[in-house]
PDB file of all heavy atoms in Angstrom:
ATOM      1  N   THR A   1     -42.286 -48.829  25.745  1.00  0.00           N
ATOM      2  CA  THR A   1     -42.495 -47.667  24.971  1.00  0.00           C
ATOM      3  C   THR A   1     -41.251 -46.720  25.036  1.00  0.00           C
ATOM      4  O   THR A   1     -40.516 -46.684  26.081  1.00  0.00           O
ATOM      5  CB  THR A   1     -43.671 -46.858  25.314  1.00  0.00           C
ATOM      6  OG1 THR A   1     -43.567 -46.390  26.653  1.00  0.00           O
ATOM      7  CG2 THR A   1     -44.907 -47.751  25.301  1.00  0.00           C
ATOM      8  N   LEU A   2     -40.929 -45.930  24.119  1.00  0.00           N
ATOM      9  CA  LEU A   2     -40.006 -44.813  24.086  1.00  0.00           C
ATOM     10  C   LEU A   2     -40.581 -43.663  23.204  1.00  0.00           C
ATOM     11  O   LEU A   2     -41.312 -43.877  22.265  1.00  0.00           O
ATOM     12  CB  LEU A   2     -38.597 -45.128  23.504  1.00  0.00           C
ATOM     13  CG  LEU A   2     -37.738 -46.061  24.431  1.00  0.00           C
ATOM     14  CD1 LEU A   2     -36.476 -46.484  23.616  1.00  0.00           C
ATOM     15  CD2 LEU A   2     -37.241 -45.337  25.681  1.00  0.00           C
ATOM     16  N   ARG A   3     -40.148 -42.500  23.701  1.00  0.00           N
ATOM     17  CA  ARG A   3     -40.508 -41.320  22.919  1.00  0.00           C
ATOM     18  C   ARG A   3     -39.317 -40.450  22.438  1.00  0.00           C
ATOM     19  O   ARG A   3     -38.534 -39.969  23.421  1.00  0.00           O
ATOM     20  CB  ARG A   3     -41.504 -40.398  23.612  1.00  0.00           C
ATOM     21  CG  ARG A   3     -41.991 -39.103  22.858  1.00  0.00           C
ATOM     22  CD  ARG A   3     -42.967 -38.401  23.662  1.00  0.00           C
ATOM     23  NE  ARG A   3     -43.599 -37.175  22.913  1.00  0.00           N
ATOM     24  CZ  ARG A   3     -43.412 -35.969  23.163  1.00  0.00           C
ATOM     25  NH1 ARG A   3     -42.397 -35.761  24.093  1.00  0.00           N
ATOM     26  NH2 ARG A   3     -43.912 -35.082  22.468  1.00  0.00           N
ATOM     27  N   LEU A   4     -38.957 -40.443  21.138  1.00  0.00           N
ATOM     28  CA  LEU A   4     -37.784 -39.823  20.731  1.00  0.00           C
ATOM     29  C   LEU A   4     -38.190 -38.367  20.261  1.00  0.00           C
ATOM     30  O   LEU A   4     -39.239 -38.083  19.878  1.00  0.00           O
ATOM     31  CB  LEU A   4     -37.206 -40.553  19.525  1.00  0.00           C
ATOM     32  CG  LEU A   4     -36.914 -42.038  19.583  1.00  0.00           C
ATOM     33  CD1 LEU A   4     -36.231 -42.354  18.298  1.00  0.00           C
ATOM     34  CD2 LEU A   4     -36.019 -42.217  20.800  1.00  0.00           C
ATOM     35  N   SER A   5     -37.194 -37.375  20.595  1.00  0.00           N
ATOM     36  CA  SER A   5     -37.420 -35.970  20.135  1.00  0.00           C
ATOM     37  C   SER A   5     -36.190 -35.556  19.370  1.00  0.00           C
ATOM     38  O   SER A   5     -35.118 -36.037  19.559  1.00  0.00           O
ATOM     39  CB  SER A   5     -37.565 -35.170  21.431  1.00  0.00           C
ATOM     40  OG  SER A   5     -38.731 -35.421  22.253  1.00  0.00           O
ATOM     41  N   CYS A   6     -36.351 -34.624  18.500  1.00  0.00           N
ATOM     42  CA  CYS A   6     -35.374 -34.058  17.685  1.00  0.00           C
ATOM     43  C   CYS A   6     -35.583 -32.598  17.474  1.00  0.00           C
ATOM     44  O   CYS A   6     -36.621 -32.262  16.908  1.00  0.00           O
ATOM     45  CB  CYS A   6     -35.151 -34.867  16.329  1.00  0.00           C
ATOM     46  SG  CYS A   6     -33.887 -34.121  15.213  1.00  0.00           S
ATOM     47  N   ALA A   7     -34.701 -31.728  17.923  1.00  0.00           N
ATOM     48  CA  ALA A   7     -34.845 -30.296  17.819  1.00  0.00           C
ATOM     49  C   ALA A   7     -33.859 -29.765  16.920  1.00  0.00           C
ATOM     50  O   ALA A   7     -32.598 -30.037  16.998  1.00  0.00           O
ATOM     51  CB  ALA A   7     -34.773 -29.639  19.096  1.00  0.00           C
ATOM     52  N   ALA A   8     -34.257 -28.988  15.973  1.00  0.00           N
ATOM     53  CA  ALA A   8     -33.372 -28.279  14.995  1.00  0.00           C
ATOM     54  C   ALA A   8     -33.143 -26.881  15.394  1.00  0.00           C
ATOM     55  O   ALA A   8     -34.064 -26.160  15.911  1.00  0.00           O
ATOM     56  CB  ALA A   8     -34.040 -28.337  13.519  1.00  0.00           C
ATOM     57  N   SER A   9     -31.933 -26.459  15.467  1.00  0.00           N
ATOM     58  CA  SER A   9     -31.589 -25.105  15.769  1.00  0.00           C
ATOM     59  C   SER A   9     -30.474 -24.480  14.928  1.00  0.00           C
ATOM     60  O   SER A   9     -29.870 -25.151  14.143  1.00  0.00           O
ATOM     61  CB  SER A   9     -31.002 -25.189  17.287  1.00  0.00           C
ATOM     62  OG  SER A   9     -29.840 -25.937  17.361  1.00  0.00           O
ATOM     63  N   GLY A  10     -30.337 -23.249  15.031  1.00  0.00           N
ATOM     64  CA  GLY A  10     -29.327 -22.503  14.291  1.00  0.00           C
ATOM     65  C   GLY A  10     -29.979 -21.622  13.214  1.00  0.00           C
ATOM     66  O   GLY A  10     -31.065 -21.109  13.515  1.00  0.00           O
ATOM     67  N   SER A  11     -29.241 -21.398  12.161  1.00  0.00           N
ATOM     68  CA  SER A  11     -29.825 -20.425  11.048  1.00  0.00           C
ATOM     69  C   SER A  11     -30.753 -21.305  10.251  1.00  0.00           C
ATOM     70  O   SER A  11     -30.475 -22.000   9.398  1.00  0.00           O
ATOM     71  CB  SER A  11     -28.686 -19.959  10.249  1.00  0.00           C
ATOM     72  OG  SER A  11     -29.135 -19.030   9.272  1.00  0.00           O
ATOM     73  N   ILE A  12     -31.996 -21.032  10.501  1.00  0.00           N
ATOM     74  CA  ILE A  12     -33.296 -21.747   9.839  1.00  0.00           C
ATOM     75  C   ILE A  12     -34.261 -20.847   9.463  1.00  0.00           C
ATOM     76  O   ILE A  12     -34.752 -20.108  10.309  1.00  0.00           O
ATOM     77  CB  ILE A  12     -33.822 -22.861  10.610  1.00  0.00           C
ATOM     78  CG1 ILE A  12     -32.673 -23.879  11.033  1.00  0.00           C
ATOM     79  CG2 ILE A  12     -34.905 -23.562   9.986  1.00  0.00           C
ATOM     80  CD1 ILE A  12     -33.215 -24.871  12.120  1.00  0.00           C
ATOM     81  N   PHE A  13     -34.615 -20.735   8.280  1.00  0.00           N
ATOM     82  CA  PHE A  13     -35.708 -19.918   7.727  1.00  0.00           C
ATOM     83  C   PHE A  13     -36.949 -20.744   7.772  1.00  0.00           C
ATOM     84  O   PHE A  13     -38.102 -20.155   8.172  1.00  0.00           O
ATOM     85  CB  PHE A  13     -35.495 -19.423   6.308  1.00  0.00           C
ATOM     86  CG  PHE A  13     -36.668 -18.639   5.844  1.00  0.00           C
ATOM     87  CD1 PHE A  13     -36.917 -17.277   6.196  1.00  0.00           C
ATOM     88  CD2 PHE A  13     -37.439 -19.029   4.832  1.00  0.00           C
ATOM     89  CE1 PHE A  13     -37.900 -16.499   5.731  1.00  0.00           C
ATOM     90  CE2 PHE A  13     -38.512 -18.349   4.280  1.00  0.00           C
ATOM     91  CZ  PHE A  13     -38.776 -17.011   4.712  1.00  0.00           C
ATOM     92  N   SER A  14     -36.992 -21.911   7.217  1.00  0.00           N
ATOM     93  CA  SER A  14     -38.204 -22.806   7.271  1.00  0.00           C
ATOM     94  C   SER A  14     -37.863 -24.169   7.140  1.00  0.00           C
ATOM     95  O   SER A  14     -36.730 -24.528   6.580  1.00  0.00           O
ATOM     96  CB  SER A  14     -39.124 -22.388   6.146  1.00  0.00           C
ATOM     97  OG  SER A  14     -38.558 -22.585   4.789  1.00  0.00           O
ATOM     98  N   ILE A  15     -38.681 -25.066   7.575  1.00  0.00           N
ATOM     99  CA  ILE A  15     -38.433 -26.526   7.541  1.00  0.00           C
ATOM    100  C   ILE A  15     -39.600 -27.236   6.772  1.00  0.00           C
ATOM    101  O   ILE A  15     -40.707 -26.992   7.075  1.00  0.00           O
ATOM    102  CB  ILE A  15     -38.280 -27.154   9.022  1.00  0.00           C
ATOM    103  CG1 ILE A  15     -37.153 -26.487   9.674  1.00  0.00           C
ATOM    104  CG2 ILE A  15     -38.075 -28.569   8.974  1.00  0.00           C
ATOM    105  CD1 ILE A  15     -37.036 -26.957  11.098  1.00  0.00           C
ATOM    106  N   GLY A  16     -39.271 -28.071   5.869  1.00  0.00           N
ATOM    107  CA  GLY A  16     -40.391 -28.815   5.132  1.00  0.00           C
ATOM    108  C   GLY A  16     -40.538 -30.121   5.787  1.00  0.00           C
ATOM    109  O   GLY A  16     -40.894 -30.163   6.868  1.00  0.00           O
ATOM    110  N   VAL A  17     -40.146 -31.242   5.084  1.00  0.00           N
ATOM    111  CA  VAL A  17     -40.368 -32.533   5.669  1.00  0.00           C
ATOM    112  C   VAL A  17     -39.343 -32.889   6.788  1.00  0.00           C
ATOM    113  O   VAL A  17     -38.239 -32.570   6.582  1.00  0.00           O
ATOM    114  CB  VAL A  17     -40.461 -33.727   4.506  1.00  0.00           C
ATOM    115  CG1 VAL A  17     -40.458 -34.985   5.247  1.00  0.00           C
ATOM    116  CG2 VAL A  17     -41.435 -33.461   3.465  1.00  0.00           C
ATOM    117  N   MET A  18     -39.799 -33.428   7.875  1.00  0.00           N
ATOM    118  CA  MET A  18     -39.012 -33.985   8.816  1.00  0.00           C
ATOM    119  C   MET A  18     -39.189 -35.502   9.018  1.00  0.00           C
ATOM    120  O   MET A  18     -40.351 -35.939   8.703  1.00  0.00           O
ATOM    121  CB  MET A  18     -39.184 -33.265  10.231  1.00  0.00           C
ATOM    122  CG  MET A  18     -38.953 -31.826  10.127  1.00  0.00           C
ATOM    123  SD  MET A  18     -39.052 -31.047  11.772  1.00  0.00           S
ATOM    124  CE  MET A  18     -37.432 -31.442  12.422  1.00  0.00           C
ATOM    125  N   GLY A  19     -38.242 -36.225   9.412  1.00  0.00           N
ATOM    126  CA  GLY A  19     -38.454 -37.719   9.467  1.00  0.00           C
ATOM    127  C   GLY A  19     -37.428 -38.380  10.507  1.00  0.00           C
ATOM    128  O   GLY A  19     -36.579 -37.807  10.964  1.00  0.00           O
ATOM    129  N   TRP A  20     -37.779 -39.675  10.618  1.00  0.00           N
ATOM    130  CA  TRP A  20     -36.890 -40.577  11.455  1.00  0.00           C
ATOM    131  C   TRP A  20     -36.485 -41.661  10.615  1.00  0.00           C
ATOM    132  O   TRP A  20     -37.251 -42.360   9.780  1.00  0.00           O
ATOM    133  CB  TRP A  20     -37.655 -41.031  12.606  1.00  0.00           C
ATOM    134  CG  TRP A  20     -37.924 -40.046  13.591  1.00  0.00           C
ATOM    135  CD1 TRP A  20     -39.139 -39.247  13.829  1.00  0.00           C
ATOM    136  CD2 TRP A  20     -37.016 -39.636  14.695  1.00  0.00           C
ATOM    137  NE1 TRP A  20     -38.926 -38.393  14.811  1.00  0.00           N
ATOM    138  CE2 TRP A  20     -37.577 -38.627  15.441  1.00  0.00           C
ATOM    139  CE3 TRP A  20     -35.727 -40.060  15.065  1.00  0.00           C
ATOM    140  CZ2 TRP A  20     -36.961 -38.099  16.525  1.00  0.00           C
ATOM    141  CZ3 TRP A  20     -35.075 -39.417  16.091  1.00  0.00           C
ATOM    142  CH2 TRP A  20     -35.814 -38.387  16.855  1.00  0.00           C
ATOM    143  N   TYR A  21     -35.161 -42.087  10.673  1.00  0.00           N
ATOM    144  CA  TYR A  21     -34.576 -43.188  10.074  1.00  0.00           C
ATOM    145  C   TYR A  21     -33.853 -44.079  11.187  1.00  0.00           C
ATOM    146  O   TYR A  21     -33.582 -43.521  12.106  1.00  0.00           O
ATOM    147  CB  TYR A  21     -33.700 -42.738   8.936  1.00  0.00           C
ATOM    148  CG  TYR A  21     -34.246 -41.876   7.717  1.00  0.00           C
ATOM    149  CD1 TYR A  21     -34.771 -40.668   8.105  1.00  0.00           C
ATOM    150  CD2 TYR A  21     -34.489 -42.514   6.549  1.00  0.00           C
ATOM    151  CE1 TYR A  21     -35.360 -39.945   6.951  1.00  0.00           C
ATOM    152  CE2 TYR A  21     -35.011 -41.815   5.483  1.00  0.00           C
ATOM    153  CZ  TYR A  21     -35.589 -40.516   5.735  1.00  0.00           C
ATOM    154  OH  TYR A  21     -36.170 -39.742   4.809  1.00  0.00           O
ATOM    155  N   ARG A  22     -33.593 -45.226  10.737  1.00  0.00           N
ATOM    156  CA  ARG A  22     -32.871 -46.098  11.594  1.00  0.00           C
ATOM    157  C   ARG A  22     -31.781 -47.007  10.892  1.00  0.00           C
ATOM    158  O   ARG A  22     -32.026 -47.344   9.749  1.00  0.00           O
ATOM    159  CB  ARG A  22     -33.742 -46.956  12.541  1.00  0.00           C
ATOM    160  CG  ARG A  22     -34.588 -48.093  11.772  1.00  0.00           C
ATOM    161  CD  ARG A  22     -35.552 -48.750  12.727  1.00  0.00           C
ATOM    162  NE  ARG A  22     -36.280 -49.728  12.094  1.00  0.00           N
ATOM    163  CZ  ARG A  22     -37.424 -50.386  12.684  1.00  0.00           C
ATOM    164  NH1 ARG A  22     -37.796 -50.009  13.851  1.00  0.00           N
ATOM    165  NH2 ARG A  22     -37.888 -51.443  12.029  1.00  0.00           N
ATOM    166  N   GLN A  23     -30.832 -47.432  11.609  1.00  0.00           N
ATOM    167  CA  GLN A  23     -29.692 -48.248  10.970  1.00  0.00           C
ATOM    168  C   GLN A  23     -29.153 -49.113  12.167  1.00  0.00           C
ATOM    169  O   GLN A  23     -28.708 -48.689  13.146  1.00  0.00           O
ATOM    170  CB  GLN A  23     -28.658 -47.322  10.503  1.00  0.00           C
ATOM    171  CG  GLN A  23     -27.609 -48.110   9.717  1.00  0.00           C
ATOM    172  CD  GLN A  23     -26.685 -47.061   9.031  1.00  0.00           C
ATOM    173  OE1 GLN A  23     -26.557 -45.963   9.325  1.00  0.00           O
ATOM    174  NE2 GLN A  23     -25.898 -47.620   8.107  1.00  0.00           N
ATOM    175  N   ALA A  24     -29.196 -50.456  11.803  1.00  0.00           N
ATOM    176  CA  ALA A  24     -28.462 -51.359  12.698  1.00  0.00           C
ATOM    177  C   ALA A  24     -27.108 -51.751  12.041  1.00  0.00           C
ATOM    178  O   ALA A  24     -26.951 -51.474  10.808  1.00  0.00           O
ATOM    179  CB  ALA A  24     -29.359 -52.685  12.727  1.00  0.00           C
ATOM    180  N   PRO A  25     -26.207 -52.249  12.858  1.00  0.00           N
ATOM    181  CA  PRO A  25     -24.838 -52.515  12.319  1.00  0.00           C
ATOM    182  C   PRO A  25     -24.926 -53.403  11.189  1.00  0.00           C
ATOM    183  O   PRO A  25     -25.577 -54.425  11.216  1.00  0.00           O
ATOM    184  CB  PRO A  25     -24.001 -53.170  13.535  1.00  0.00           C
ATOM    185  CG  PRO A  25     -24.807 -52.494  14.697  1.00  0.00           C
ATOM    186  CD  PRO A  25     -26.192 -52.490  14.251  1.00  0.00           C
ATOM    187  N   GLY A  26     -24.185 -53.132  10.109  1.00  0.00           N
ATOM    188  CA  GLY A  26     -24.088 -53.955   8.867  1.00  0.00           C
ATOM    189  C   GLY A  26     -25.295 -53.723   7.890  1.00  0.00           C
ATOM    190  O   GLY A  26     -25.349 -54.378   6.846  1.00  0.00           O
ATOM    191  N   ASN A  27     -26.207 -52.889   8.245  1.00  0.00           N
ATOM    192  CA  ASN A  27     -27.420 -52.651   7.395  1.00  0.00           C
ATOM    193  C   ASN A  27     -27.433 -51.220   6.928  1.00  0.00           C
ATOM    194  O   ASN A  27     -26.707 -50.425   7.537  1.00  0.00           O
ATOM    195  CB  ASN A  27     -28.698 -53.030   8.265  1.00  0.00           C
ATOM    196  CG  ASN A  27     -28.852 -54.411   8.571  1.00  0.00           C
ATOM    197  OD1 ASN A  27     -28.458 -55.355   7.773  1.00  0.00           O
ATOM    198  ND2 ASN A  27     -29.412 -54.661   9.713  1.00  0.00           N
ATOM    199  N   GLU A  28     -28.249 -50.996   5.894  1.00  0.00           N
ATOM    200  CA  GLU A  28     -28.466 -49.679   5.416  1.00  0.00           C
ATOM    201  C   GLU A  28     -29.327 -48.805   6.352  1.00  0.00           C
ATOM    202  O   GLU A  28     -30.138 -49.470   7.013  1.00  0.00           O
ATOM    203  CB  GLU A  28     -28.926 -49.602   3.848  1.00  0.00           C
ATOM    204  CG  GLU A  28     -30.322 -50.162   3.743  1.00  0.00           C
ATOM    205  CD  GLU A  28     -30.483 -51.694   3.661  1.00  0.00           C
ATOM    206  OE1 GLU A  28     -29.413 -52.338   4.001  1.00  0.00           O
ATOM    207  OE2 GLU A  28     -31.447 -52.196   3.256  1.00  0.00           O
ATOM    208  N   ARG A  29     -29.254 -47.582   6.194  1.00  0.00           N
ATOM    209  CA  ARG A  29     -30.215 -46.621   6.835  1.00  0.00           C
ATOM    210  C   ARG A  29     -31.573 -46.697   6.153  1.00  0.00           C
ATOM    211  O   ARG A  29     -31.588 -46.565   4.953  1.00  0.00           O
ATOM    212  CB  ARG A  29     -29.639 -45.212   6.977  1.00  0.00           C
ATOM    213  CG  ARG A  29     -30.420 -44.221   7.832  1.00  0.00           C
ATOM    214  CD  ARG A  29     -29.647 -43.005   8.019  1.00  0.00           C
ATOM    215  NE  ARG A  29     -28.385 -43.066   8.591  1.00  0.00           N
ATOM    216  CZ  ARG A  29     -27.537 -42.101   8.876  1.00  0.00           C
ATOM    217  NH1 ARG A  29     -27.997 -40.826   8.709  1.00  0.00           N
ATOM    218  NH2 ARG A  29     -26.476 -42.223   9.444  1.00  0.00           N
ATOM    219  N   ARG A  30     -32.576 -46.961   6.915  1.00  0.00           N
ATOM    220  CA  ARG A  30     -33.988 -46.965   6.305  1.00  0.00           C
ATOM    221  C   ARG A  30     -34.975 -46.092   6.968  1.00  0.00           C
ATOM    222  O   ARG A  30     -34.833 -45.755   8.203  1.00  0.00           O
ATOM    223  CB  ARG A  30     -34.451 -48.479   6.442  1.00  0.00           C
ATOM    224  CG  ARG A  30     -33.708 -49.464   5.509  1.00  0.00           C
ATOM    225  CD  ARG A  30     -34.422 -50.830   5.616  1.00  0.00           C
ATOM    226  NE  ARG A  30     -33.924 -51.772   4.543  1.00  0.00           N
ATOM    227  CZ  ARG A  30     -34.489 -52.936   4.326  1.00  0.00           C
ATOM    228  NH1 ARG A  30     -35.466 -53.350   5.042  1.00  0.00           N
ATOM    229  NH2 ARG A  30     -34.068 -53.583   3.425  1.00  0.00           N
ATOM    230  N   LEU A  31     -35.841 -45.620   6.184  1.00  0.00           N
ATOM    231  CA  LEU A  31     -36.963 -44.802   6.704  1.00  0.00           C
ATOM    232  C   LEU A  31     -37.836 -45.415   7.667  1.00  0.00           C
ATOM    233  O   LEU A  31     -38.201 -46.523   7.448  1.00  0.00           O
ATOM    234  CB  LEU A  31     -37.657 -44.214   5.476  1.00  0.00           C
ATOM    235  CG  LEU A  31     -38.850 -43.280   5.711  1.00  0.00           C
ATOM    236  CD1 LEU A  31     -38.981 -42.287   4.494  1.00  0.00           C
ATOM    237  CD2 LEU A  31     -40.106 -43.883   5.962  1.00  0.00           C
ATOM    238  N   VAL A  32     -38.206 -44.684   8.744  1.00  0.00           N
ATOM    239  CA  VAL A  32     -39.115 -45.233   9.632  1.00  0.00           C
ATOM    240  C   VAL A  32     -40.479 -44.387   9.503  1.00  0.00           C
ATOM    241  O   VAL A  32     -41.589 -44.997   9.370  1.00  0.00           O
ATOM    242  CB  VAL A  32     -38.736 -45.091  11.067  1.00  0.00           C
ATOM    243  CG1 VAL A  32     -39.704 -45.447  12.158  1.00  0.00           C
ATOM    244  CG2 VAL A  32     -37.397 -45.917  11.381  1.00  0.00           C
ATOM    245  N   ALA A  33     -40.393 -43.148   9.483  1.00  0.00           N
ATOM    246  CA  ALA A  33     -41.606 -42.239   9.216  1.00  0.00           C
ATOM    247  C   ALA A  33     -41.249 -40.855   8.885  1.00  0.00           C
ATOM    248  O   ALA A  33     -40.164 -40.438   9.225  1.00  0.00           O
ATOM    249  CB  ALA A  33     -42.458 -42.223  10.611  1.00  0.00           C
ATOM    250  N   THR A  34     -42.085 -40.132   8.120  1.00  0.00           N
ATOM    251  CA  THR A  34     -41.811 -38.751   7.837  1.00  0.00           C
ATOM    252  C   THR A  34     -43.192 -38.107   8.050  1.00  0.00           C
ATOM    253  O   THR A  34     -44.266 -38.555   8.216  1.00  0.00           O
ATOM    254  CB  THR A  34     -41.496 -38.609   6.278  1.00  0.00           C
ATOM    255  OG1 THR A  34     -42.660 -39.037   5.524  1.00  0.00           O
ATOM    256  CG2 THR A  34     -40.162 -39.370   6.019  1.00  0.00           C
TER     257      THR A  34
END
C-alpha cells in the first residue's frame, strides 16, 4: 500500500475538481481518479 498526498498553495480563491493521473515512459497520461 501507498498513500499519496497533494497540497495546493498560493493565490487560490476556490478549487473545483481535483484528481490523480499517471504516466509510464512511452505512454500517455491517463486519469486514475477524480
